[in-house]
Amino acid sequence: EPTHGSAPKYAELDPPIVNPIAMILSAAMLLDHVGEEEKAEAVRRAVGEVVAEGRVRTYDMLRLRGGPDVIAKGAATTEEMTQAILERLP
């Protein structure tokens, strides 16, 4: 399991706040496995760019305790992080 647990305590939060990067990088590993190395590299590059830029960060990247109040403290939602990565894909 790429996330080392499903974080059920966060499952009902609206909006969702979990960091999707582990799942996204797992998809890159799958692409490598099926011979789509260029696509896998594009995914890894997009993730790296978002992390390096530091503009979009989930609660764990901000070193906050998870909970419904993290968005007000500047944390990105799961969708915001995913969208930031998708925007950097060719």
PDB file of N, CA and C in Angstrom:
ATOM      1  N   GLU A   1       0.854  -1.181   0.000  1.00  0.00           N
ATOM      2  CA  GLU A   1       0.000   0.000   0.000  1.00  0.00           C
ATOM      3  C   GLU A   1       0.895   1.238   0.000  1.00  0.00           C
ATOM      4  N   PRO A   2       0.776   2.101  -0.989  1.00  0.00           N
ATOM      5  CA  PRO A   2       1.704   3.219  -1.137  1.00  0.00           C
ATOM      6  C   PRO A   2       1.688   4.211   0.014  1.00  0.00           C
ATOM      7  N   THR A   3       0.579   4.308   0.703  1.00  0.00           N
ATOM      8  CA  THR A   3       0.499   5.309   1.772  1.00  0.00           C
ATOM      9  C   THR A   3       0.785   4.734   3.149  1.00  0.00           C
ATOM     10  N   HIS A   4       1.084   3.449   3.230  1.00  0.00           N
ATOM     11  CA  HIS A   4       1.341   2.779   4.506  1.00  0.00           C
ATOM     12  C   HIS A   4       0.161   2.895   5.458  1.00  0.00           C
ATOM     13  N   GLY A   5      -1.023   2.906   4.913  1.00  0.00           N
ATOM     14  CA  GLY A   5      -2.236   2.993   5.703  1.00  0.00           C
ATOM     15  C   GLY A   5      -3.254   3.878   5.006  1.00  0.00           C
ATOM     16  N   SER A   6      -4.497   3.631   5.264  1.00  0.00           N
ATOM     17  CA  SER A   6      -5.543   4.357   4.554  1.00  0.00           C
ATOM     18  C   SER A   6      -6.012   5.624   5.256  1.00  0.00           C
ATOM     19  N   ALA A   7      -5.490   5.913   6.436  1.00  0.00           N
ATOM     20  CA  ALA A   7      -5.856   7.120   7.189  1.00  0.00           C
ATOM     21  C   ALA A   7      -7.367   7.261   7.336  1.00  0.00           C
ATOM     22  N   PRO A   8      -8.036   6.240   7.885  1.00  0.00           N
ATOM     23  CA  PRO A   8      -9.495   6.307   7.991  1.00  0.00           C
ATOM     24  C   PRO A   8     -10.004   7.491   8.801  1.00  0.00           C
ATOM     25  N   LYS A   9      -9.189   8.013   9.714  1.00  0.00           N
ATOM     26  CA  LYS A   9      -9.651   9.160  10.502  1.00  0.00           C
ATOM     27  C   LYS A   9      -9.851  10.404   9.650  1.00  0.00           C
ATOM     28  N   TYR A  10      -9.264  10.418   8.447  1.00  0.00           N
ATOM     29  CA  TYR A  10      -9.428  11.558   7.550  1.00  0.00           C
ATOM     30  C   TYR A  10     -10.418  11.282   6.423  1.00  0.00           C
ATOM     31  N   ALA A  11     -10.965  10.093   6.372  1.00  0.00           N
ATOM     32  CA  ALA A  11     -11.824   9.679   5.260  1.00  0.00           C
ATOM     33  C   ALA A  11     -13.080  10.531   5.118  1.00  0.00           C
ATOM     34  N   GLU A  12     -13.628  10.995   6.204  1.00  0.00           N
ATOM     35  CA  GLU A  12     -14.893  11.736   6.160  1.00  0.00           C
ATOM     36  C   GLU A  12     -14.719  13.247   6.106  1.00  0.00           C
ATOM     37  N   LEU A  13     -13.475  13.723   6.084  1.00  0.00           N
ATOM     38  CA  LEU A  13     -13.273  15.170   6.064  1.00  0.00           C
ATOM     39  C   LEU A  13     -13.695  15.753   4.720  1.00  0.00           C
ATOM     40  N   ASP A  14     -14.298  16.903   4.777  1.00  0.00           N
ATOM     41  CA  ASP A  14     -14.710  17.589   3.574  1.00  0.00           C
ATOM     42  C   ASP A  14     -14.251  19.036   3.684  1.00  0.00           C
ATOM     43  N   PRO A  15     -13.290  19.451   2.904  1.00  0.00           N
ATOM     44  CA  PRO A  15     -12.686  18.736   1.785  1.00  0.00           C
ATOM     45  C   PRO A  15     -11.628  17.747   2.265  1.00  0.00           C
ATOM     46  N   PRO A  16     -11.302  16.765   1.406  1.00  0.00           N
ATOM     47  CA  PRO A  16     -10.257  15.803   1.756  1.00  0.00           C
ATOM     48  C   PRO A  16      -8.903  16.507   1.865  1.00  0.00           C
ATOM     49  N   ILE A  17      -8.072  16.074   2.819  1.00  0.00           N
ATOM     50  CA  ILE A  17      -6.800  16.762   3.060  1.00  0.00           C
ATOM     51  C   ILE A  17      -5.576  15.869   2.893  1.00  0.00           C
ATOM     52  N   VAL A  18      -5.769  14.590   2.586  1.00  0.00           N
ATOM     53  CA  VAL A  18      -4.606  13.699   2.532  1.00  0.00           C
ATOM     54  C   VAL A  18      -3.720  14.006   1.329  1.00  0.00           C
ATOM     55  N   ASN A  19      -2.440  13.775   1.500  1.00  0.00           N
ATOM     56  CA  ASN A  19      -1.448  14.034   0.469  1.00  0.00           C
ATOM     57  C   ASN A  19      -1.504  12.918  -0.581  1.00  0.00           C
ATOM     58  N   PRO A  20      -1.772  13.254  -1.847  1.00  0.00           N
ATOM     59  CA  PRO A  20      -1.902  12.230  -2.882  1.00  0.00           C
ATOM     60  C   PRO A  20      -0.585  11.835  -3.544  1.00  0.00           C
ATOM     61  N   ILE A  21       0.531  12.417  -3.140  1.00  0.00           N
ATOM     62  CA  ILE A  21       1.788  12.199  -3.852  1.00  0.00           C
ATOM     63  C   ILE A  21       2.208  10.734  -3.862  1.00  0.00           C
ATOM     64  N   ALA A  22       2.056  10.006  -2.769  1.00  0.00           N
ATOM     65  CA  ALA A  22       2.453   8.588  -2.755  1.00  0.00           C
ATOM     66  C   ALA A  22       1.665   7.790  -3.783  1.00  0.00           C
ATOM     67  N   MET A  23       0.383   8.049  -3.875  1.00  0.00           N
ATOM     68  CA  MET A  23      -0.442   7.346  -4.859  1.00  0.00           C
ATOM     69  C   MET A  23      -0.034   7.714  -6.283  1.00  0.00           C
ATOM     70  N   ILE A  24       0.250   8.980  -6.501  1.00  0.00           N
ATOM     71  CA  ILE A  24       0.635   9.436  -7.833  1.00  0.00           C
ATOM     72  C   ILE A  24       1.981   8.830  -8.244  1.00  0.00           C
ATOM     73  N   LEU A  25       2.926   8.788  -7.312  1.00  0.00           N
ATOM     74  CA  LEU A  25       4.219   8.185  -7.629  1.00  0.00           C
ATOM     75  C   LEU A  25       4.103   6.670  -7.815  1.00  0.00           C
ATOM     76  N   SER A  26       3.147   6.046  -7.155  1.00  0.00           N
ATOM     77  CA  SER A  26       2.891   4.623  -7.394  1.00  0.00           C
ATOM     78  C   SER A  26       2.404   4.406  -8.822  1.00  0.00           C
ATOM     79  N   ALA A  27       1.601   5.335  -9.313  1.00  0.00           N
ATOM     80  CA  ALA A  27       1.144   5.250 -10.701  1.00  0.00           C
ATOM     81  C   ALA A  27       2.337   5.381 -11.650  1.00  0.00           C
ATOM     82  N   ALA A  28       3.311   6.217 -11.299  1.00  0.00           N
ATOM     83  CA  ALA A  28       4.517   6.344 -12.120  1.00  0.00           C
ATOM     84  C   ALA A  28       5.277   5.018 -12.143  1.00  0.00           C
ATOM     85  N   MET A  29       5.332   4.345 -11.014  1.00  0.00           N
ATOM     86  CA  MET A  29       5.988   3.035 -10.966  1.00  0.00           C
ATOM     87  C   MET A  29       5.264   2.025 -11.854  1.00  0.00           C
ATOM     88  N   LEU A  30       3.953   2.094 -11.871  1.00  0.00           N
ATOM     89  CA  LEU A  30       3.174   1.217 -12.747  1.00  0.00           C
ATOM     90  C   LEU A  30       3.502   1.507 -14.213  1.00  0.00           C
ATOM     91  N   LEU A  31       3.585   2.786 -14.549  1.00  0.00           N
ATOM     92  CA  LEU A  31       3.934   3.150 -15.919  1.00  0.00           C
ATOM     93  C   LEU A  31       5.314   2.603 -16.295  1.00  0.00           C
ATOM     94  N   ASP A  32       6.274   2.696 -15.385  1.00  0.00           N
ATOM     95  CA  ASP A  32       7.587   2.101 -15.621  1.00  0.00           C
ATOM     96  C   ASP A  32       7.457   0.607 -15.898  1.00  0.00           C
ATOM     97  N   HIS A  33       6.677  -0.051 -15.078  1.00  0.00           N
ATOM     98  CA  HIS A  33       6.515  -1.505 -15.169  1.00  0.00           C
ATOM     99  C   HIS A  33       5.930  -1.945 -16.507  1.00  0.00           C
ATOM    100  N   VAL A  34       5.039  -1.146 -17.063  1.00  0.00           N
ATOM    101  CA  VAL A  34       4.414  -1.524 -18.336  1.00  0.00           C
ATOM    102  C   VAL A  34       5.146  -0.918 -19.546  1.00  0.00           C
ATOM    103  N   GLY A  35       6.337  -0.400 -19.296  1.00  0.00           N
ATOM    104  CA  GLY A  35       7.158   0.071 -20.401  1.00  0.00           C
ATOM    105  C   GLY A  35       6.936   1.503 -20.839  1.00  0.00           C
ATOM    106  N   GLU A  36       6.243   2.272 -20.050  1.00  0.00           N
ATOM    107  CA  GLU A  36       5.966   3.681 -20.392  1.00  0.00           C
ATOM    108  C   GLU A  36       6.886   4.600 -19.584  1.00  0.00           C
ATOM    109  N   GLU A  37       8.197   4.408 -19.777  1.00  0.00           N
ATOM    110  CA  GLU A  37       9.176   5.135 -18.978  1.00  0.00           C
ATOM    111  C   GLU A  37       9.099   6.653 -19.153  1.00  0.00           C
ATOM    112  N   GLU A  38       8.847   7.114 -20.385  1.00  0.00           N
ATOM    113  CA  GLU A  38       8.769   8.561 -20.611  1.00  0.00           C
ATOM    114  C   GLU A  38       7.587   9.171 -19.862  1.00  0.00           C
ATOM    115  N   LYS A  39       6.469   8.491 -19.884  1.00  0.00           N
ATOM    116  CA  LYS A  39       5.298   8.982 -19.150  1.00  0.00           C
ATOM    117  C   LYS A  39       5.553   8.951 -17.652  1.00  0.00           C
ATOM    118  N   ALA A  40       6.198   7.891 -17.175  1.00  0.00           N
ATOM    119  CA  ALA A  40       6.528   7.792 -15.753  1.00  0.00           C
ATOM    120  C   ALA A  40       7.440   8.940 -15.337  1.00  0.00           C
ATOM    121  N   GLU A  41       8.419   9.230 -16.166  1.00  0.00           N
ATOM    122  CA  GLU A  41       9.336  10.325 -15.861  1.00  0.00           C
ATOM    123  C   GLU A  41       8.614  11.660 -15.853  1.00  0.00           C
ATOM    124  N   ALA A  42       7.655  11.841 -16.730  1.00  0.00           N
ATOM    125  CA  ALA A  42       6.872  13.085 -16.746  1.00  0.00           C
ATOM    126  C   ALA A  42       6.099  13.252 -15.445  1.00  0.00           C
ATOM    127  N   VAL A  43       5.545  12.165 -14.930  1.00  0.00           N
ATOM    128  CA  VAL A  43       4.819  12.223 -13.658  1.00  0.00           C
ATOM    129  C   VAL A  43       5.780  12.583 -12.531  1.00  0.00           C
ATOM    130  N   ARG A  44       6.921  11.895 -12.475  1.00  0.00           N
ATOM    131  CA  ARG A  44       7.894  12.196 -11.417  1.00  0.00           C
ATOM    132  C   ARG A  44       8.389  13.639 -11.511  1.00  0.00           C
ATOM    133  N   ARG A  45       8.615  14.114 -12.721  1.00  0.00           N
ATOM    134  CA  ARG A  45       9.068  15.490 -12.912  1.00  0.00           C
ATOM    135  C   ARG A  45       8.005  16.473 -12.417  1.00  0.00           C
ATOM    136  N   ALA A  46       6.743  16.220 -12.755  1.00  0.00           N
ATOM    137  CA  ALA A  46       5.651  17.107 -12.330  1.00  0.00           C
ATOM    138  C   ALA A  46       5.561  17.161 -10.817  1.00  0.00           C
ATOM    139  N   VAL A  47       5.643  16.008 -10.168  1.00  0.00           N
ATOM    140  CA  VAL A  47       5.610  15.974  -8.698  1.00  0.00           C
ATOM    141  C   VAL A  47       6.790  16.762  -8.135  1.00  0.00           C
ATOM    142  N   GLY A  48       7.973  16.531  -8.676  1.00  0.00           N
ATOM    143  CA  GLY A  48       9.166  17.228  -8.199  1.00  0.00           C
ATOM    144  C   GLY A  48       9.057  18.730  -8.336  1.00  0.00           C
ATOM    145  N   GLU A  49       8.496  19.179  -9.448  1.00  0.00           N
ATOM    146  CA  GLU A  49       8.334  20.621  -9.667  1.00  0.00           C
ATOM    147  C   GLU A  49       7.391  21.238  -8.647  1.00  0.00           C
ATOM    148  N   VAL A  50       6.289  20.554  -8.374  1.00  0.00           N
ATOM    149  CA  VAL A  50       5.319  21.082  -7.404  1.00  0.00           C
ATOM    150  C   VAL A  50       5.950  21.147  -6.012  1.00  0.00           C
ATOM    151  N   VAL A  51       6.636  20.087  -5.633  1.00  0.00           N
ATOM    152  CA  VAL A  51       7.270  20.063  -4.311  1.00  0.00           C
ATOM    153  C   VAL A  51       8.356  21.133  -4.216  1.00  0.00           C
ATOM    154  N   ALA A  52       9.192  21.243  -5.245  1.00  0.00           N
ATOM    155  CA  ALA A  52      10.277  22.223  -5.223  1.00  0.00           C
ATOM    156  C   ALA A  52       9.753  23.655  -5.181  1.00  0.00           C
ATOM    157  N   GLU A  53       8.658  23.897  -5.916  1.00  0.00           N
ATOM    158  CA  GLU A  53       8.085  25.242  -5.923  1.00  0.00           C
ATOM    159  C   GLU A  53       7.574  25.631  -4.542  1.00  0.00           C
ATOM    160  N   GLY A  54       6.957  24.689  -3.838  1.00  0.00           N
ATOM    161  CA  GLY A  54       6.504  24.937  -2.474  1.00  0.00           C
ATOM    162  C   GLY A  54       5.251  25.776  -2.325  1.00  0.00           C
ATOM    163  N   ARG A  55       4.610  26.108  -3.416  1.00  0.00           N
ATOM    164  CA  ARG A  55       3.391  26.931  -3.346  1.00  0.00           C
ATOM    165  C   ARG A  55       2.196  26.120  -2.871  1.00  0.00           C
ATOM    166  N   VAL A  56       2.109  24.867  -3.311  1.00  0.00           N
ATOM    167  CA  VAL A  56       1.003  23.987  -2.941  1.00  0.00           C
ATOM    168  C   VAL A  56       1.567  22.919  -2.018  1.00  0.00           C
ATOM    169  N   ARG A  57       1.108  22.926  -0.760  1.00  0.00           N
ATOM    170  CA  ARG A  57       1.604  21.962   0.224  1.00  0.00           C
ATOM    171  C   ARG A  57       0.449  21.459   1.072  1.00  0.00           C
ATOM    172  N   THR A  58       0.401  20.158   1.248  1.00  0.00           N
ATOM    173  CA  THR A  58      -0.620  19.554   2.105  1.00  0.00           C
ATOM    174  C   THR A  58      -0.199  19.692   3.562  1.00  0.00           C
ATOM    175  N   TYR A  59      -1.116  19.364   4.463  1.00  0.00           N
ATOM    176  CA  TYR A  59      -0.869  19.592   5.892  1.00  0.00           C
ATOM    177  C   TYR A  59       0.405  18.924   6.388  1.00  0.00           C
ATOM    178  N   ASP A  60       0.703  17.721   5.886  1.00  0.00           N
ATOM    179  CA  ASP A  60       1.902  17.029   6.348  1.00  0.00           C
ATOM    180  C   ASP A  60       3.172  17.723   5.882  1.00  0.00           C
ATOM    181  N   MET A  61       3.118  18.338   4.717  1.00  0.00           N
ATOM    182  CA  MET A  61       4.270  19.075   4.204  1.00  0.00           C
ATOM    183  C   MET A  61       4.488  20.366   4.993  1.00  0.00           C
ATOM    184  N   LEU A  62       3.428  20.873   5.596  1.00  0.00           N
ATOM    185  CA  LEU A  62       3.511  22.070   6.443  1.00  0.00           C
ATOM    186  C   LEU A  62       3.791  21.710   7.898  1.00  0.00           C
ATOM    187  N   ARG A  63       3.889  20.400   8.160  1.00  0.00           N
ATOM    188  CA  ARG A  63       4.128  19.873   9.512  1.00  0.00           C
ATOM    189  C   ARG A  63       3.018  20.263  10.490  1.00  0.00           C
ATOM    190  N   LEU A  64       1.793  20.199   9.987  1.00  0.00           N
ATOM    191  CA  LEU A  64       0.618  20.450  10.815  1.00  0.00           C
ATOM    192  C   LEU A  64      -0.012  19.120  11.201  1.00  0.00           C
ATOM    193  N   ARG A  65      -0.707  19.096  12.321  1.00  0.00           N
ATOM    194  CA  ARG A  65      -1.508  17.930  12.667  1.00  0.00           C
ATOM    195  C   ARG A  65      -2.728  17.924  11.752  1.00  0.00           C
ATOM    196  N   GLY A  66      -3.082  16.756  11.260  1.00  0.00           N
ATOM    197  CA  GLY A  66      -4.237  16.661  10.374  1.00  0.00           C
ATOM    198  C   GLY A  66      -5.526  16.971  11.105  1.00  0.00           C
ATOM    199  N   GLY A  67      -6.466  17.511  10.407  1.00  0.00           N
ATOM    200  CA  GLY A  67      -7.770  17.821  10.964  1.00  0.00           C
ATOM    201  C   GLY A  67      -8.475  18.840  10.108  1.00  0.00           C
ATOM    202  N   PRO A  68      -9.722  19.105  10.419  1.00  0.00           N
ATOM    203  CA  PRO A  68     -10.522  19.998   9.576  1.00  0.00           C
ATOM    204  C   PRO A  68     -10.021  21.440   9.537  1.00  0.00           C
ATOM    205  N   ASP A  69      -9.199  21.833  10.481  1.00  0.00           N
ATOM    206  CA  ASP A  69      -8.751  23.230  10.527  1.00  0.00           C
ATOM    207  C   ASP A  69      -7.505  23.510   9.688  1.00  0.00           C
ATOM    208  N   VAL A  70      -6.899  22.498   9.082  1.00  0.00           N
ATOM    209  CA  VAL A  70      -5.631  22.716   8.383  1.00  0.00           C
ATOM    210  C   VAL A  70      -5.760  23.576   7.126  1.00  0.00           C
ATOM    211  N   ILE A  71      -6.916  23.555   6.505  1.00  0.00           N
ATOM    212  CA  ILE A  71      -7.111  24.373   5.302  1.00  0.00           C
ATOM    213  C   ILE A  71      -7.004  25.856   5.675  1.00  0.00           C
ATOM    214  N   ALA A  72      -7.589  26.227   6.787  1.00  0.00           N
ATOM    215  CA  ALA A  72      -7.516  27.614   7.248  1.00  0.00           C
ATOM    216  C   ALA A  72      -6.085  28.016   7.605  1.00  0.00           C
ATOM    217  N   LYS A  73      -5.224  27.036   7.871  1.00  0.00           N
ATOM    218  CA  LYS A  73      -3.820  27.310   8.199  1.00  0.00           C
ATOM    219  C   LYS A  73      -2.927  27.290   6.960  1.00  0.00           C
ATOM    220  N   GLY A  74      -3.533  27.185   5.777  1.00  0.00           N
ATOM    221  CA  GLY A  74      -2.773  27.276   4.545  1.00  0.00           C
ATOM    222  C   GLY A  74      -2.495  25.970   3.837  1.00  0.00           C
ATOM    223  N   ALA A  75      -2.994  24.872   4.344  1.00  0.00           N
ATOM    224  CA  ALA A  75      -2.747  23.578   3.701  1.00  0.00           C
ATOM    225  C   ALA A  75      -3.622  23.409   2.465  1.00  0.00           C
ATOM    226  N   ALA A  76      -3.057  22.754   1.464  1.00  0.00           N
ATOM    227  CA  ALA A  76      -3.802  22.440   0.244  1.00  0.00           C
ATOM    228  C   ALA A  76      -4.674  21.211   0.475  1.00  0.00           C
ATOM    229  N   THR A  77      -5.753  21.140  -0.248  1.00  0.00           N
ATOM    230  CA  THR A  77      -6.594  19.940  -0.219  1.00  0.00           C
ATOM    231  C   THR A  77      -5.976  18.879  -1.133  1.00  0.00           C
ATOM    232  N   THR A  78      -6.504  17.675  -1.041  1.00  0.00           N
ATOM    233  CA  THR A  78      -6.068  16.590  -1.931  1.00  0.00           C
ATOM    234  C   THR A  78      -6.247  17.006  -3.382  1.00  0.00           C
ATOM    235  N   GLU A  79      -7.375  17.587  -3.700  1.00  0.00           N
ATOM    236  CA  GLU A  79      -7.658  18.007  -5.072  1.00  0.00           C
ATOM    237  C   GLU A  79      -6.721  19.112  -5.534  1.00  0.00           C
ATOM    238  N   GLU A  80      -6.408  20.053  -4.672  1.00  0.00           N
ATOM    239  CA  GLU A  80      -5.504  21.140  -5.062  1.00  0.00           C
ATOM    240  C   GLU A  80      -4.112  20.612  -5.383  1.00  0.00           C
ATOM    241  N   MET A  81      -3.625  19.687  -4.570  1.00  0.00           N
ATOM    242  CA  MET A  81      -2.313  19.099  -4.838  1.00  0.00           C
ATOM    243  C   MET A  81      -2.345  18.307  -6.142  1.00  0.00           C
ATOM    244  N   THR A  82      -3.379  17.500  -6.313  1.00  0.00           N
ATOM    245  CA  THR A  82      -3.499  16.702  -7.544  1.00  0.00           C
ATOM    246  C   THR A  82      -3.558  17.617  -8.755  1.00  0.00           C
ATOM    247  N   GLN A  83      -4.339  18.666  -8.693  1.00  0.00           N
ATOM    248  CA  GLN A  83      -4.477  19.603  -9.815  1.00  0.00           C
ATOM    249  C   GLN A  83      -3.152  20.286 -10.124  1.00  0.00           C
ATOM    250  N   ALA A  84      -2.410  20.676  -9.098  1.00  0.00           N
ATOM    251  CA  ALA A  84      -1.112  21.322  -9.313  1.00  0.00           C
ATOM    252  C   ALA A  84      -0.166  20.395 -10.071  1.00  0.00           C
ATOM    253  N   ILE A  85      -0.206  19.112  -9.746  1.00  0.00           N
ATOM    254  CA  ILE A  85       0.640  18.132 -10.438  1.00  0.00           C
ATOM    255  C   ILE A  85       0.149  17.930 -11.866  1.00  0.00           C
ATOM    256  N   LEU A  86      -1.157  17.776 -12.038  1.00  0.00           N
ATOM    257  CA  LEU A  86      -1.712  17.575 -13.379  1.00  0.00           C
ATOM    258  C   LEU A  86      -1.387  18.737 -14.312  1.00  0.00           C
ATOM    259  N   GLU A  87      -1.379  19.942 -13.796  1.00  0.00           N
ATOM    260  CA  GLU A  87      -1.103  21.120 -14.617  1.00  0.00           C
ATOM    261  C   GLU A  87       0.314  21.130 -15.171  1.00  0.00           C
ATOM    262  N   ARG A  88       1.208  20.364 -14.580  1.00  0.00           N
ATOM    263  CA  ARG A  88       2.593  20.319 -15.039  1.00  0.00           C
ATOM    264  C   ARG A  88       2.880  19.143 -15.968  1.00  0.00           C
ATOM    265  N   LEU A  89       1.873  18.331 -16.204  1.00  0.00           N
ATOM    266  CA  LEU A  89       2.056  17.210 -17.132  1.00  0.00           C
ATOM    267  C   LEU A  89       1.880  17.688 -18.565  1.00  0.00           C
ATOM    268  N   PRO A  90       2.680  17.114 -19.480  1.00  0.00           N
ATOM    269  CA  PRO A  90       2.542  17.519 -20.888  1.00  0.00           C
ATOM    270  C   PRO A  90       1.228  17.055 -21.486  1.00  0.00           C
TER     271      PRO A  90
END
